[in-house]
Amino acid sequence: MKRLSDRKLIEAYISAKKLGLDPNFIQQLESELTRRSIDIHPDKTDKKG
């Protein structure tokens, strides 16, 4: 996980949630997001306009 950029980690987390992947995998991603102090809300997007 340490090799993933913050952006790729966020993308992986959002995709995993949308696809309903294994909860343990999602938990690992959440733990890494927390470790990096990244606050993510999968229902919000980066799109503007």
N, C-alpha and C. Protein backbone atom coordinates (compact mmCIF):
# COMPACT_ATOMS: atom_id res chain seq x y z
N MET A 1 0.82 -1.20 0.00
CA MET A 1 0.00 0.00 0.00
C MET A 1 0.86 1.26 0.00
N LYS A 2 2.03 1.18 0.57
CA LYS A 2 2.87 2.37 0.67
C LYS A 2 3.31 2.89 -0.69
N ARG A 3 3.27 2.04 -1.71
CA ARG A 3 3.69 2.46 -3.04
C ARG A 3 2.57 3.17 -3.80
N LEU A 4 1.34 3.04 -3.34
CA LEU A 4 0.23 3.72 -3.99
C LEU A 4 0.27 5.20 -3.69
N SER A 5 0.05 6.00 -4.71
CA SER A 5 -0.08 7.44 -4.47
C SER A 5 -1.40 7.67 -3.74
N ASP A 6 -1.53 8.81 -3.11
CA ASP A 6 -2.78 9.14 -2.42
C ASP A 6 -3.96 9.06 -3.38
N ARG A 7 -3.77 9.60 -4.56
CA ARG A 7 -4.85 9.62 -5.56
C ARG A 7 -5.28 8.20 -5.94
N LYS A 8 -4.31 7.32 -6.18
CA LYS A 8 -4.63 5.93 -6.56
C LYS A 8 -5.28 5.19 -5.40
N LEU A 9 -4.86 5.48 -4.19
CA LEU A 9 -5.47 4.86 -3.01
C LEU A 9 -6.94 5.27 -2.91
N ILE A 10 -7.21 6.54 -3.10
CA ILE A 10 -8.59 7.03 -3.06
C ILE A 10 -9.41 6.39 -4.17
N GLU A 11 -8.86 6.31 -5.37
CA GLU A 11 -9.56 5.68 -6.49
C GLU A 11 -9.85 4.21 -6.19
N ALA A 12 -8.88 3.51 -5.62
CA ALA A 12 -9.07 2.10 -5.28
C ALA A 12 -10.17 1.94 -4.24
N TYR A 13 -10.17 2.81 -3.25
CA TYR A 13 -11.19 2.74 -2.20
C TYR A 13 -12.59 2.97 -2.77
N ILE A 14 -12.74 4.01 -3.56
CA ILE A 14 -14.05 4.32 -4.14
C ILE A 14 -14.52 3.18 -5.04
N SER A 15 -13.63 2.65 -5.85
CA SER A 15 -13.99 1.53 -6.73
C SER A 15 -14.37 0.29 -5.93
N ALA A 16 -13.60 0.00 -4.90
CA ALA A 16 -13.90 -1.17 -4.07
C ALA A 16 -15.27 -1.06 -3.42
N LYS A 17 -15.61 0.13 -2.95
CA LYS A 17 -16.93 0.34 -2.35
C LYS A 17 -18.04 0.17 -3.39
N LYS A 18 -17.86 0.77 -4.56
CA LYS A 18 -18.87 0.69 -5.62
C LYS A 18 -19.08 -0.74 -6.09
N LEU A 19 -18.00 -1.51 -6.16
CA LEU A 19 -18.07 -2.89 -6.65
C LEU A 19 -18.46 -3.89 -5.57
N GLY A 20 -18.54 -3.42 -4.33
CA GLY A 20 -18.91 -4.31 -3.23
C GLY A 20 -17.87 -5.39 -2.97
N LEU A 21 -16.60 -5.01 -3.07
CA LEU A 21 -15.53 -5.98 -2.85
C LEU A 21 -15.47 -6.42 -1.39
N ASP A 22 -14.61 -7.38 -1.13
CA ASP A 22 -14.47 -7.97 0.20
C ASP A 22 -14.33 -6.90 1.28
N PRO A 23 -15.16 -6.98 2.32
CA PRO A 23 -15.10 -5.98 3.40
C PRO A 23 -13.72 -5.89 4.07
N ASN A 24 -13.00 -6.99 4.13
CA ASN A 24 -11.66 -6.96 4.72
C ASN A 24 -10.70 -6.12 3.87
N PHE A 25 -10.84 -6.22 2.56
CA PHE A 25 -10.02 -5.41 1.65
C PHE A 25 -10.36 -3.93 1.81
N ILE A 26 -11.65 -3.64 1.87
CA ILE A 26 -12.09 -2.26 2.05
C ILE A 26 -11.57 -1.71 3.38
N GLN A 27 -11.58 -2.55 4.41
CA GLN A 27 -11.07 -2.12 5.72
C GLN A 27 -9.58 -1.81 5.64
N GLN A 28 -8.83 -2.60 4.89
CA GLN A 28 -7.39 -2.33 4.72
C GLN A 28 -7.18 -0.97 4.05
N LEU A 29 -7.99 -0.71 3.03
CA LEU A 29 -7.89 0.58 2.35
C LEU A 29 -8.25 1.72 3.30
N GLU A 30 -9.30 1.54 4.08
CA GLU A 30 -9.71 2.56 5.05
C GLU A 30 -8.61 2.81 6.08
N SER A 31 -7.98 1.75 6.52
CA SER A 31 -6.89 1.89 7.50
C SER A 31 -5.73 2.70 6.92
N GLU A 32 -5.42 2.44 5.66
CA GLU A 32 -4.34 3.18 5.02
C GLU A 32 -4.72 4.64 4.81
N LEU A 33 -5.98 4.89 4.44
CA LEU A 33 -6.46 6.27 4.31
C LEU A 33 -6.32 7.00 5.65
N THR A 34 -6.71 6.34 6.72
CA THR A 34 -6.62 6.93 8.05
C THR A 34 -5.16 7.19 8.42
N ARG A 35 -4.29 6.21 8.13
CA ARG A 35 -2.86 6.36 8.44
C ARG A 35 -2.27 7.58 7.74
N ARG A 36 -2.77 7.85 6.53
CA ARG A 36 -2.28 9.00 5.75
C ARG A 36 -3.06 10.28 6.04
N SER A 37 -3.98 10.20 6.97
CA SER A 37 -4.83 11.35 7.34
C SER A 37 -5.63 11.87 6.15
N ILE A 38 -6.15 10.94 5.36
CA ILE A 38 -6.98 11.29 4.21
C ILE A 38 -8.43 11.03 4.59
N ASP A 39 -9.24 12.07 4.51
CA ASP A 39 -10.67 11.95 4.80
C ASP A 39 -11.40 11.81 3.48
N ILE A 40 -12.07 10.68 3.30
CA ILE A 40 -12.74 10.42 2.02
C ILE A 40 -14.21 10.07 2.26
N HIS A 41 -15.03 10.59 1.39
CA HIS A 41 -16.46 10.29 1.43
C HIS A 41 -16.84 9.80 0.04
N PRO A 42 -17.08 8.49 -0.12
CA PRO A 42 -17.31 7.93 -1.46
C PRO A 42 -18.53 8.48 -2.18
N ASP A 43 -19.48 9.08 -1.46
CA ASP A 43 -20.66 9.62 -2.12
C ASP A 43 -20.40 11.00 -2.72
N LYS A 44 -19.27 11.60 -2.41
CA LYS A 44 -18.91 12.91 -2.97
C LYS A 44 -17.88 12.70 -4.06
N THR A 45 -17.99 13.48 -5.13
CA THR A 45 -17.05 13.34 -6.23
C THR A 45 -16.20 14.59 -6.37
N ASP A 46 -15.15 14.45 -7.13
CA ASP A 46 -14.21 15.53 -7.38
C ASP A 46 -14.67 16.42 -8.53
N LYS A 47 -15.77 16.06 -9.18
CA LYS A 47 -16.24 16.77 -10.36
C LYS A 47 -16.79 18.14 -10.00
N LYS A 48 -16.50 19.10 -10.86
CA LYS A 48 -17.00 20.46 -10.66
C LYS A 48 -17.90 20.81 -11.83
N GLY A 49 -18.94 21.62 -11.53
CA GLY A 49 -19.77 22.09 -12.61
C GLY A 49 -20.98 21.36 -12.72
